[in-house]
Amino acid sequence: MEPISTTLHICHSVKPKVKGAPGCGHLGAAELLETCQREINLRGWQDQVKAQPGACMRNCEHGVTVRVLHDLTLYGPVQPSDLPEILDSHIGNHQPVKRLQSTPGGFW
């Protein structure tokens, strides 16, 4: 199956506290973005799938949040080890990863 053409926004908020928790930028967002870009490149998807820093999604109390733009799915908290599953299942096979899905933190 062809990967979904989309962008992954990885929260990079560096706010000192969001809902009482440090912003995602303080919780490993830079490492997550780097890992995501590496995983996309390993799959040869760099023309269809982009990863970039995103604005605060108000889910920092759960950990780093990732939003898949084509369908607005939120994942969180996301660890670098979760990215292969998100990419292969959701982006590659069009099946969201239920166990990692998060609910909006009030930004809708």
PDB file of N, CA and C in Angstrom:
ATOM      1  N   MET A   1       0.843  -1.169   0.000  1.00  0.00           N
ATOM      2  CA  MET A   1       0.000   0.000   0.000  1.00  0.00           C
ATOM      3  C   MET A   1       0.898   1.246   0.000  1.00  0.00           C
ATOM      4  N   GLU A   2       0.492   2.254  -0.737  1.00  0.00           N
ATOM      5  CA  GLU A   2       1.244   3.510  -0.754  1.00  0.00           C
ATOM      6  C   GLU A   2       1.028   4.256   0.567  1.00  0.00           C
ATOM      7  N   PRO A   3       2.071   4.933   1.057  1.00  0.00           N
ATOM      8  CA  PRO A   3       1.868   5.707   2.284  1.00  0.00           C
ATOM      9  C   PRO A   3       0.931   6.886   2.023  1.00  0.00           C
ATOM     10  N   ILE A   4       0.228   7.285   3.050  1.00  0.00           N
ATOM     11  CA  ILE A   4      -0.620   8.468   2.986  1.00  0.00           C
ATOM     12  C   ILE A   4       0.290   9.678   2.822  1.00  0.00           C
ATOM     13  N   SER A   5      -0.057  10.563   1.920  1.00  0.00           N
ATOM     14  CA  SER A   5       0.692  11.814   1.767  1.00  0.00           C
ATOM     15  C   SER A   5       0.220  12.761   2.867  1.00  0.00           C
ATOM     16  N   THR A   6       1.111  13.068   3.811  1.00  0.00           N
ATOM     17  CA  THR A   6       0.706  13.860   4.966  1.00  0.00           C
ATOM     18  C   THR A   6       1.909  14.512   5.624  1.00  0.00           C
ATOM     19  N   THR A   7       1.617  15.276   6.647  1.00  0.00           N
ATOM     20  CA  THR A   7       2.637  15.875   7.506  1.00  0.00           C
ATOM     21  C   THR A   7       2.346  15.466   8.932  1.00  0.00           C
ATOM     22  N   LEU A   8       3.390  15.154   9.670  1.00  0.00           N
ATOM     23  CA  LEU A   8       3.284  14.868  11.095  1.00  0.00           C
ATOM     24  C   LEU A   8       3.794  16.088  11.836  1.00  0.00           C
ATOM     25  N   HIS A   9       2.940  16.688  12.649  1.00  0.00           N
ATOM     26  CA  HIS A   9       3.367  17.799  13.503  1.00  0.00           C
ATOM     27  C   HIS A   9       3.721  17.229  14.868  1.00  0.00           C
ATOM     28  N   ILE A  10       4.924  17.521  15.304  1.00  0.00           N
ATOM     29  CA  ILE A  10       5.397  17.069  16.608  1.00  0.00           C
ATOM     30  C   ILE A  10       5.470  18.301  17.500  1.00  0.00           C
ATOM     31  N   CYS A  11       4.688  18.310  18.568  1.00  0.00           N
ATOM     32  CA  CYS A  11       4.631  19.469  19.451  1.00  0.00           C
ATOM     33  C   CYS A  11       6.034  19.816  19.937  1.00  0.00           C
ATOM     34  N   HIS A  12       6.378  21.087  19.801  1.00  0.00           N
ATOM     35  CA  HIS A  12       7.679  21.584  20.257  1.00  0.00           C
ATOM     36  C   HIS A  12       7.512  22.742  21.239  1.00  0.00           C
ATOM     37  N   SER A  13       6.396  22.793  21.928  1.00  0.00           N
ATOM     38  CA  SER A  13       6.147  23.881  22.865  1.00  0.00           C
ATOM     39  C   SER A  13       7.264  23.952  23.901  1.00  0.00           C
ATOM     40  N   VAL A  14       7.795  25.134  24.086  1.00  0.00           N
ATOM     41  CA  VAL A  14       8.827  25.315  25.107  1.00  0.00           C
ATOM     42  C   VAL A  14       8.297  26.165  26.256  1.00  0.00           C
ATOM     43  N   LYS A  15       6.983  26.208  26.362  1.00  0.00           N
ATOM     44  CA  LYS A  15       6.377  26.912  27.480  1.00  0.00           C
ATOM     45  C   LYS A  15       6.845  26.252  28.770  1.00  0.00           C
ATOM     46  N   PRO A  16       7.087  27.043  29.813  1.00  0.00           N
ATOM     47  CA  PRO A  16       7.561  26.437  31.064  1.00  0.00           C
ATOM     48  C   PRO A  16       6.561  25.440  31.645  1.00  0.00           C
ATOM     49  N   LYS A  17       5.283  25.773  31.604  1.00  0.00           N
ATOM     50  CA  LYS A  17       4.246  24.876  32.120  1.00  0.00           C
ATOM     51  C   LYS A  17       3.006  24.999  31.258  1.00  0.00           C
ATOM     52  N   VAL A  18       2.457  23.869  30.832  1.00  0.00           N
ATOM     53  CA  VAL A  18       1.199  23.817  30.106  1.00  0.00           C
ATOM     54  C   VAL A  18       0.311  22.864  30.896  1.00  0.00           C
ATOM     55  N   LYS A  19      -0.780  23.393  31.455  1.00  0.00           N
ATOM     56  CA  LYS A  19      -1.654  22.590  32.314  1.00  0.00           C
ATOM     57  C   LYS A  19      -0.856  21.930  33.436  1.00  0.00           C
ATOM     58  N   GLY A  20       0.115  22.659  33.975  1.00  0.00           N
ATOM     59  CA  GLY A  20       0.896  22.152  35.093  1.00  0.00           C
ATOM     60  C   GLY A  20       2.045  21.241  34.707  1.00  0.00           C
ATOM     61  N   ALA A  21       2.235  20.984  33.426  1.00  0.00           N
ATOM     62  CA  ALA A  21       3.310  20.090  32.968  1.00  0.00           C
ATOM     63  C   ALA A  21       4.278  20.876  32.094  1.00  0.00           C
ATOM     64  N   PRO A  22       5.542  20.444  32.028  1.00  0.00           N
ATOM     65  CA  PRO A  22       6.472  21.117  31.115  1.00  0.00           C
ATOM     66  C   PRO A  22       6.008  20.940  29.675  1.00  0.00           C
ATOM     67  N   GLY A  23       6.303  21.928  28.823  1.00  0.00           N
ATOM     68  CA  GLY A  23       5.955  21.819  27.411  1.00  0.00           C
ATOM     69  C   GLY A  23       6.696  20.665  26.751  1.00  0.00           C
ATOM     70  N   CYS A  24       6.151  20.181  25.639  1.00  0.00           N
ATOM     71  CA  CYS A  24       6.735  19.035  24.926  1.00  0.00           C
ATOM     72  C   CYS A  24       8.186  19.277  24.512  1.00  0.00           C
ATOM     73  N   GLY A  25       8.528  20.542  24.265  1.00  0.00           N
ATOM     74  CA  GLY A  25       9.907  20.866  23.911  1.00  0.00           C
ATOM     75  C   GLY A  25      10.885  20.503  25.008  1.00  0.00           C
ATOM     76  N   HIS A  26      10.394  20.380  26.238  1.00  0.00           N
ATOM     77  CA  HIS A  26      11.221  19.986  27.378  1.00  0.00           C
ATOM     78  C   HIS A  26      11.121  18.481  27.656  1.00  0.00           C
ATOM     79  N   LEU A  27      10.328  17.783  26.878  1.00  0.00           N
ATOM     80  CA  LEU A  27      10.051  16.366  27.147  1.00  0.00           C
ATOM     81  C   LEU A  27      10.593  15.428  26.067  1.00  0.00           C
ATOM     82  N   GLY A  28      11.498  15.914  25.224  1.00  0.00           N
ATOM     83  CA  GLY A  28      12.097  15.048  24.217  1.00  0.00           C
ATOM     84  C   GLY A  28      11.567  15.229  22.810  1.00  0.00           C
ATOM     85  N   ALA A  29      10.907  16.351  22.532  1.00  0.00           N
ATOM     86  CA  ALA A  29      10.335  16.575  21.205  1.00  0.00           C
ATOM     87  C   ALA A  29      11.396  16.628  20.110  1.00  0.00           C
ATOM     88  N   ALA A  30      12.548  17.212  20.400  1.00  0.00           N
ATOM     89  CA  ALA A  30      13.607  17.320  19.376  1.00  0.00           C
ATOM     90  C   ALA A  30      14.103  15.940  18.971  1.00  0.00           C
ATOM     91  N   GLU A  31      14.300  15.057  19.941  1.00  0.00           N
ATOM     92  CA  GLU A  31      14.720  13.683  19.641  1.00  0.00           C
ATOM     93  C   GLU A  31      13.639  12.962  18.840  1.00  0.00           C
ATOM     94  N   LEU A  32      12.385  13.182  19.202  1.00  0.00           N
ATOM     95  CA  LEU A  32      11.279  12.533  18.497  1.00  0.00           C
ATOM     96  C   LEU A  32      11.220  12.996  17.041  1.00  0.00           C
ATOM     97  N   LEU A  33      11.385  14.285  16.808  1.00  0.00           N
ATOM     98  CA  LEU A  33      11.380  14.808  15.442  1.00  0.00           C
ATOM     99  C   LEU A  33      12.535  14.222  14.635  1.00  0.00           C
ATOM    100  N   GLU A  34      13.712  14.177  15.218  1.00  0.00           N
ATOM    101  CA  GLU A  34      14.883  13.608  14.529  1.00  0.00           C
ATOM    102  C   GLU A  34      14.660  12.137  14.187  1.00  0.00           C
ATOM    103  N   THR A  35      14.128  11.387  15.136  1.00  0.00           N
ATOM    104  CA  THR A  35      13.853   9.964  14.913  1.00  0.00           C
ATOM    105  C   THR A  35      12.790   9.789  13.830  1.00  0.00           C
ATOM    106  N   CYS A  36      11.763  10.620  13.863  1.00  0.00           N
ATOM    107  CA  CYS A  36      10.687  10.532  12.870  1.00  0.00           C
ATOM    108  C   CYS A  36      11.229  10.785  11.468  1.00  0.00           C
ATOM    109  N   GLN A  37      12.048  11.797  11.320  1.00  0.00           N
ATOM    110  CA  GLN A  37      12.622  12.089  10.003  1.00  0.00           C
ATOM    111  C   GLN A  37      13.509  10.943   9.525  1.00  0.00           C
ATOM    112  N   ARG A  38      14.267  10.360  10.433  1.00  0.00           N
ATOM    113  CA  ARG A  38      15.113   9.214  10.080  1.00  0.00           C
ATOM    114  C   ARG A  38      14.257   8.019   9.645  1.00  0.00           C
ATOM    115  N   GLU A  39      13.178   7.733  10.359  1.00  0.00           N
ATOM    116  CA  GLU A  39      12.294   6.607  10.031  1.00  0.00           C
ATOM    117  C   GLU A  39      11.586   6.826   8.689  1.00  0.00           C
ATOM    118  N   ILE A  40      11.189   8.051   8.422  1.00  0.00           N
ATOM    119  CA  ILE A  40      10.569   8.373   7.120  1.00  0.00           C
ATOM    120  C   ILE A  40      11.569   8.118   6.002  1.00  0.00           C
ATOM    121  N   ASN A  41      12.796   8.578   6.177  1.00  0.00           N
ATOM    122  CA  ASN A  41      13.838   8.384   5.165  1.00  0.00           C
ATOM    123  C   ASN A  41      14.168   6.913   4.959  1.00  0.00           C
ATOM    124  N   LEU A  42      14.196   6.134   6.053  1.00  0.00           N
ATOM    125  CA  LEU A  42      14.473   4.694   5.942  1.00  0.00           C
ATOM    126  C   LEU A  42      13.440   3.988   5.068  1.00  0.00           C
ATOM    127  N   ARG A  43      12.214   4.483   5.089  1.00  0.00           N
ATOM    128  CA  ARG A  43      11.137   3.884   4.297  1.00  0.00           C
ATOM    129  C   ARG A  43      11.076   4.451   2.872  1.00  0.00           C
ATOM    130  N   GLY A  44      11.897   5.457   2.595  1.00  0.00           N
ATOM    131  CA  GLY A  44      11.890   6.081   1.274  1.00  0.00           C
ATOM    132  C   GLY A  44      10.663   6.935   1.024  1.00  0.00           C
ATOM    133  N   TRP A  45      10.056   7.451   2.086  1.00  0.00           N
ATOM    134  CA  TRP A  45       8.798   8.191   1.979  1.00  0.00           C
ATOM    135  C   TRP A  45       8.987   9.705   2.017  1.00  0.00           C
ATOM    136  N   GLN A  46      10.213  10.206   1.899  1.00  0.00           N
ATOM    137  CA  GLN A  46      10.445  11.631   2.095  1.00  0.00           C
ATOM    138  C   GLN A  46       9.683  12.520   1.113  1.00  0.00           C
ATOM    139  N   ASP A  47       9.233  11.990  -0.010  1.00  0.00           N
ATOM    140  CA  ASP A  47       8.432  12.786  -0.948  1.00  0.00           C
ATOM    141  C   ASP A  47       6.953  12.846  -0.560  1.00  0.00           C
ATOM    142  N   GLN A  48       6.482  11.870   0.221  1.00  0.00           N
ATOM    143  CA  GLN A  48       5.066  11.812   0.592  1.00  0.00           C
ATOM    144  C   GLN A  48       4.789  12.230   2.031  1.00  0.00           C
ATOM    145  N   VAL A  49       5.751  12.033   2.912  1.00  0.00           N
ATOM    146  CA  VAL A  49       5.516  12.236   4.343  1.00  0.00           C
ATOM    147  C   VAL A  49       6.546  13.214   4.895  1.00  0.00           C
ATOM    148  N   LYS A  50       6.073  14.217   5.593  1.00  0.00           N
ATOM    149  CA  LYS A  50       6.943  15.207   6.220  1.00  0.00           C
ATOM    150  C   LYS A  50       6.745  15.175   7.722  1.00  0.00           C
ATOM    151  N   ALA A  51       7.806  15.474   8.448  1.00  0.00           N
ATOM    152  CA  ALA A  51       7.724  15.658   9.897  1.00  0.00           C
ATOM    153  C   ALA A  51       8.269  17.042  10.192  1.00  0.00           C
ATOM    154  N   GLN A  52       7.535  17.782  11.005  1.00  0.00           N
ATOM    155  CA  GLN A  52       7.998  19.122  11.339  1.00  0.00           C
ATOM    156  C   GLN A  52       7.519  19.513  12.730  1.00  0.00           C
ATOM    157  N   PRO A  53       8.198  20.483  13.331  1.00  0.00           N
ATOM    158  CA  PRO A  53       7.754  20.949  14.645  1.00  0.00           C
ATOM    159  C   PRO A  53       6.357  21.545  14.542  1.00  0.00           C
ATOM    160  N   GLY A  54       5.582  21.332  15.561  1.00  0.00           N
ATOM    161  CA  GLY A  54       4.237  21.882  15.614  1.00  0.00           C
ATOM    162  C   GLY A  54       4.047  22.739  16.847  1.00  0.00           C
ATOM    163  N   ALA A  55       3.003  23.539  16.828  1.00  0.00           N
ATOM    164  CA  ALA A  55       2.661  24.394  17.965  1.00  0.00           C
ATOM    165  C   ALA A  55       2.058  23.552  19.086  1.00  0.00           C
ATOM    166  N   CYS A  56       1.890  24.181  20.212  1.00  0.00           N
ATOM    167  CA  CYS A  56       1.322  23.506  21.378  1.00  0.00           C
ATOM    168  C   CYS A  56      -0.061  22.939  21.049  1.00  0.00           C
ATOM    169  N   MET A  57      -0.282  21.689  21.445  1.00  0.00           N
ATOM    170  CA  MET A  57      -1.565  21.023  21.221  1.00  0.00           C
ATOM    171  C   MET A  57      -2.320  20.819  22.534  1.00  0.00           C
ATOM    172  N   ARG A  58      -1.795  21.426  23.586  1.00  0.00           N
ATOM    173  CA  ARG A  58      -2.397  21.408  24.923  1.00  0.00           C
ATOM    174  C   ARG A  58      -2.589  20.006  25.484  1.00  0.00           C
ATOM    175  N   ASN A  59      -1.658  19.138  25.168  1.00  0.00           N
ATOM    176  CA  ASN A  59      -1.679  17.786  25.716  1.00  0.00           C
ATOM    177  C   ASN A  59      -0.378  17.480  26.450  1.00  0.00           C
ATOM    178  N   CYS A  60       0.375  18.516  26.811  1.00  0.00           N
ATOM    179  CA  CYS A  60       1.705  18.311  27.389  1.00  0.00           C
ATOM    180  C   CYS A  60       1.677  17.474  28.675  1.00  0.00           C
ATOM    181  N   GLU A  61       0.551  17.506  29.384  1.00  0.00           N
ATOM    182  CA  GLU A  61       0.485  16.719  30.619  1.00  0.00           C
ATOM    183  C   GLU A  61       0.584  15.216  30.338  1.00  0.00           C
ATOM    184  N   HIS A  62       0.373  14.823  29.085  1.00  0.00           N
ATOM    185  CA  HIS A  62       0.468  13.419  28.702  1.00  0.00           C
ATOM    186  C   HIS A  62       1.835  13.067  28.121  1.00  0.00           C
ATOM    187  N   GLY A  63       2.634  14.056  27.739  1.00  0.00           N
ATOM    188  CA  GLY A  63       3.914  13.826  27.073  1.00  0.00           C
ATOM    189  C   GLY A  63       3.856  14.364  25.661  1.00  0.00           C
ATOM    190  N   VAL A  64       4.884  14.092  24.876  1.00  0.00           N
ATOM    191  CA  VAL A  64       4.982  14.654  23.529  1.00  0.00           C
ATOM    192  C   VAL A  64       3.823  14.153  22.666  1.00  0.00           C
ATOM    193  N   THR A  65       3.175  15.094  22.000  1.00  0.00           N
ATOM    194  CA  THR A  65       2.018  14.806  21.150  1.00  0.00           C
ATOM    195  C   THR A  65       2.400  14.939  19.682  1.00  0.00           C
ATOM    196  N   VAL A  66       1.872  14.032  18.866  1.00  0.00           N
ATOM    197  CA  VAL A  66       2.074  14.052  17.420  1.00  0.00           C
ATOM    198  C   VAL A  66       0.707  14.117  16.767  1.00  0.00           C
ATOM    199  N   ARG A  67       0.562  15.027  15.798  1.00  0.00           N
ATOM    200  CA  ARG A  67      -0.699  15.139  15.052  1.00  0.00           C
ATOM    201  C   ARG A  67      -0.442  14.746  13.605  1.00  0.00           C
ATOM    202  N   VAL A  68      -1.269  13.837  13.072  1.00  0.00           N
ATOM    203  CA  VAL A  68      -1.220  13.452  11.661  1.00  0.00           C
ATOM    204  C   VAL A  68      -2.200  14.382  10.952  1.00  0.00           C
ATOM    205  N   LEU A  69      -1.687  15.244  10.088  1.00  0.00           N
ATOM    206  CA  LEU A  69      -2.525  16.307   9.540  1.00  0.00           C
ATOM    207  C   LEU A  69      -3.637  15.855   8.621  1.00  0.00           C
ATOM    208  N   HIS A  70      -3.434  14.813   7.832  1.00  0.00           N
ATOM    209  CA  HIS A  70      -4.470  14.479   6.849  1.00  0.00           C
ATOM    210  C   HIS A  70      -5.798  14.105   7.490  1.00  0.00           C
ATOM    211  N   ASP A  71      -5.761  13.568   8.722  1.00  0.00           N
ATOM    212  CA  ASP A  71      -7.019  13.207   9.382  1.00  0.00           C
ATOM    213  C   ASP A  71      -7.118  13.739  10.815  1.00  0.00           C
ATOM    214  N   LEU A  72      -6.129  14.547  11.226  1.00  0.00           N
ATOM    215  CA  LEU A  72      -6.079  15.189  12.536  1.00  0.00           C
ATOM    216  C   LEU A  72      -5.999  14.212  13.705  1.00  0.00           C
ATOM    217  N   THR A  73      -5.541  13.001  13.458  1.00  0.00           N
ATOM    218  CA  THR A  73      -5.343  12.045  14.545  1.00  0.00           C
ATOM    219  C   THR A  73      -4.250  12.561  15.469  1.00  0.00           C
ATOM    220  N   LEU A  74      -4.503  12.459  16.771  1.00  0.00           N
ATOM    221  CA  LEU A  74      -3.505  12.819  17.781  1.00  0.00           C
ATOM    222  C   LEU A  74      -2.960  11.555  18.418  1.00  0.00           C
ATOM    223  N   TYR A  75      -1.661  11.534  18.598  1.00  0.00           N
ATOM    224  CA  TYR A  75      -1.003  10.458  19.329  1.00  0.00           C
ATOM    225  C   TYR A  75      -0.260  11.057  20.505  1.00  0.00           C
ATOM    226  N   GLY A  76      -0.338  10.389  21.638  1.00  0.00           N
ATOM    227  CA  GLY A  76       0.424  10.857  22.776  1.00  0.00           C
ATOM    228  C   GLY A  76       0.122  10.042  24.020  1.00  0.00           C
ATOM    229  N   PRO A  77       1.085   9.922  24.888  1.00  0.00           N
ATOM    230  CA  PRO A  77       2.449  10.376  24.701  1.00  0.00           C
ATOM    231  C   PRO A  77       3.183   9.456  23.723  1.00  0.00           C
ATOM    232  N   VAL A  78       4.018  10.052  22.891  1.00  0.00           N
ATOM    233  CA  VAL A  78       4.757   9.292  21.883  1.00  0.00           C
ATOM    234  C   VAL A  78       6.233   9.262  22.251  1.00  0.00           C
ATOM    235  N   GLN A  79       6.793   8.066  22.226  1.00  0.00           N
ATOM    236  CA  GLN A  79       8.221   7.845  22.437  1.00  0.00           C
ATOM    237  C   GLN A  79       8.848   7.531  21.082  1.00  0.00           C
ATOM    238  N   PRO A  80      10.158   7.753  20.929  1.00  0.00           N
ATOM    239  CA  PRO A  80      10.805   7.405  19.664  1.00  0.00           C
ATOM    240  C   PRO A  80      10.536   5.955  19.236  1.00  0.00           C
ATOM    241  N   SER A  81      10.435   5.053  20.198  1.00  0.00           N
ATOM    242  CA  SER A  81      10.190   3.640  19.877  1.00  0.00           C
ATOM    243  C   SER A  81       8.791   3.390  19.315  1.00  0.00           C
ATOM    244  N   ASP A  82       7.863   4.349  19.463  1.00  0.00           N
ATOM    245  CA  ASP A  82       6.502   4.221  18.929  1.00  0.00           C
ATOM    246  C   ASP A  82       6.406   4.610  17.454  1.00  0.00           C
ATOM    247  N   LEU A  83       7.375   5.358  16.960  1.00  0.00           N
ATOM    248  CA  LEU A  83       7.282   5.896  15.602  1.00  0.00           C
ATOM    249  C   LEU A  83       7.211   4.842  14.506  1.00  0.00           C
ATOM    250  N   PRO A  84       8.000   3.757  14.557  1.00  0.00           N
ATOM    251  CA  PRO A  84       7.854   2.750  13.501  1.00  0.00           C
ATOM    252  C   PRO A  84       6.422   2.214  13.402  1.00  0.00           C
ATOM    253  N   GLU A  85       5.777   1.983  14.536  1.00  0.00           N
ATOM    254  CA  GLU A  85       4.401   1.477  14.519  1.00  0.00           C
ATOM    255  C   GLU A  85       3.438   2.513  13.936  1.00  0.00           C
ATOM    256  N   ILE A  86       3.587   3.780  14.325  1.00  0.00           N
ATOM    257  CA  ILE A  86       2.721   4.827  13.779  1.00  0.00           C
ATOM    258  C   ILE A  86       2.924   4.934  12.273  1.00  0.00           C
ATOM    259  N   LEU A  87       4.168   4.959  11.833  1.00  0.00           N
ATOM    260  CA  LEU A  87       4.443   5.092  10.403  1.00  0.00           C
ATOM    261  C   LEU A  87       3.952   3.879   9.620  1.00  0.00           C
ATOM    262  N   ASP A  88       4.282   2.678  10.087  1.00  0.00           N
ATOM    263  CA  ASP A  88       3.915   1.476   9.337  1.00  0.00           C
ATOM    264  C   ASP A  88       2.413   1.227   9.348  1.00  0.00           C
ATOM    265  N   SER A  89       1.778   1.377  10.511  1.00  0.00           N
ATOM    266  CA  SER A  89       0.354   1.079  10.606  1.00  0.00           C
ATOM    267  C   SER A  89      -0.505   2.216  10.033  1.00  0.00           C
ATOM    268  N   HIS A  90      -0.340   3.416  10.553  1.00  0.00           N
ATOM    269  CA  HIS A  90      -1.223   4.521  10.158  1.00  0.00           C
ATOM    270  C   HIS A  90      -0.867   5.083   8.791  1.00  0.00           C
ATOM    271  N   ILE A  91       0.386   5.425   8.605  1.00  0.00           N
ATOM    272  CA  ILE A  91       0.777   6.064   7.354  1.00  0.00           C
ATOM    273  C   ILE A  91       0.918   5.043   6.228  1.00  0.00           C
ATOM    274  N   GLY A  92       1.511   3.907   6.523  1.00  0.00           N
ATOM    275  CA  GLY A  92       1.724   2.891   5.490  1.00  0.00           C
ATOM    276  C   GLY A  92       0.517   2.044   5.170  1.00  0.00           C
ATOM    277  N   ASN A  93      -0.246   1.660   6.220  1.00  0.00           N
ATOM    278  CA  ASN A  93      -1.381   0.750   6.020  1.00  0.00           C
ATOM    279  C   ASN A  93      -2.734   1.390   6.311  1.00  0.00           C
ATOM    280  N   HIS A  94      -2.753   2.686   6.561  1.00  0.00           N
ATOM    281  CA  HIS A  94      -3.982   3.454   6.746  1.00  0.00           C
ATOM    282  C   HIS A  94      -4.800   2.979   7.946  1.00  0.00           C
ATOM    283  N   GLN A  95      -4.118   2.432   8.959  1.00  0.00           N
ATOM    284  CA  GLN A  95      -4.786   1.946  10.165  1.00  0.00           C
ATOM    285  C   GLN A  95      -4.220   2.683  11.377  1.00  0.00           C
ATOM    286  N   PRO A  96      -4.960   3.638  11.954  1.00  0.00           N
ATOM    287  CA  PRO A  96      -4.457   4.333  13.144  1.00  0.00           C
ATOM    288  C   PRO A  96      -4.105   3.360  14.266  1.00  0.00           C
ATOM    289  N   VAL A  97      -3.162   3.758  15.089  1.00  0.00           N
ATOM    290  CA  VAL A  97      -2.698   2.945  16.219  1.00  0.00           C
ATOM    291  C   VAL A  97      -3.526   3.342  17.443  1.00  0.00           C
ATOM    292  N   LYS A  98      -4.549   2.577  17.720  1.00  0.00           N
ATOM    293  CA  LYS A  98      -5.522   2.909  18.775  1.00  0.00           C
ATOM    294  C   LYS A  98      -4.868   3.100  20.145  1.00  0.00           C
ATOM    295  N   ARG A  99      -3.902   2.243  20.488  1.00  0.00           N
ATOM    296  CA  ARG A  99      -3.315   2.285  21.830  1.00  0.00           C
ATOM    297  C   ARG A  99      -2.549   3.579  22.097  1.00  0.00           C
ATOM    298  N   LEU A 100      -2.163   4.282  21.044  1.00  0.00           N
ATOM    299  CA  LEU A 100      -1.397   5.523  21.209  1.00  0.00           C
ATOM    300  C   LEU A 100      -2.230   6.772  20.974  1.00  0.00           C
ATOM    301  N   GLN A 101      -3.481   6.610  20.546  1.00  0.00           N
ATOM    302  CA  GLN A 101      -4.304   7.778  20.244  1.00  0.00           C
ATOM    303  C   GLN A 101      -4.607   8.563  21.508  1.00  0.00           C
ATOM    304  N   SER A 102      -4.664   9.868  21.352  1.00  0.00           N
ATOM    305  CA  SER A 102      -4.926  10.788  22.437  1.00  0.00           C
ATOM    306  C   SER A 102      -6.157  11.603  22.090  1.00  0.00           C
ATOM    307  N   THR A 103      -6.763  12.202  23.086  1.00  0.00           N
ATOM    308  CA  THR A 103      -7.890  13.079  22.827  1.00  0.00           C
ATOM    309  C   THR A 103      -7.413  14.528  22.829  1.00  0.00           C
ATOM    310  N   PRO A 104      -8.091  15.391  22.122  1.00  0.00           N
ATOM    311  CA  PRO A 104      -7.698  16.801  22.091  1.00  0.00           C
ATOM    312  C   PRO A 104      -7.687  17.412  23.484  1.00  0.00           C
ATOM    313  N   GLY A 105      -6.726  18.281  23.715  1.00  0.00           N
ATOM    314  CA  GLY A 105      -6.615  18.925  25.026  1.00  0.00           C
ATOM    315  C   GLY A 105      -7.272  20.292  25.073  1.00  0.00           C
ATOM    316  N   GLY A 106      -8.288  20.491  24.296  1.00  0.00           N
ATOM    317  CA  GLY A 106      -9.028  21.734  24.369  1.00  0.00           C
ATOM    318  C   GLY A 106      -8.721  22.718  23.263  1.00  0.00           C
ATOM    319  N   PHE A 107      -8.053  22.277  22.205  1.00  0.00           N
ATOM    320  CA  PHE A 107      -7.734  23.216  21.137  1.00  0.00           C
ATOM    321  C   PHE A 107      -8.716  23.164  20.000  1.00  0.00           C
ATOM    322  N   TRP A 108      -9.731  22.328  20.053  1.00  0.00           N
ATOM    323  CA  TRP A 108     -10.716  22.278  18.952  1.00  0.00           C
ATOM    324  C   TRP A 108     -11.750  23.352  19.148  1.00  0.00           C
TER     325      TRP A 108
END
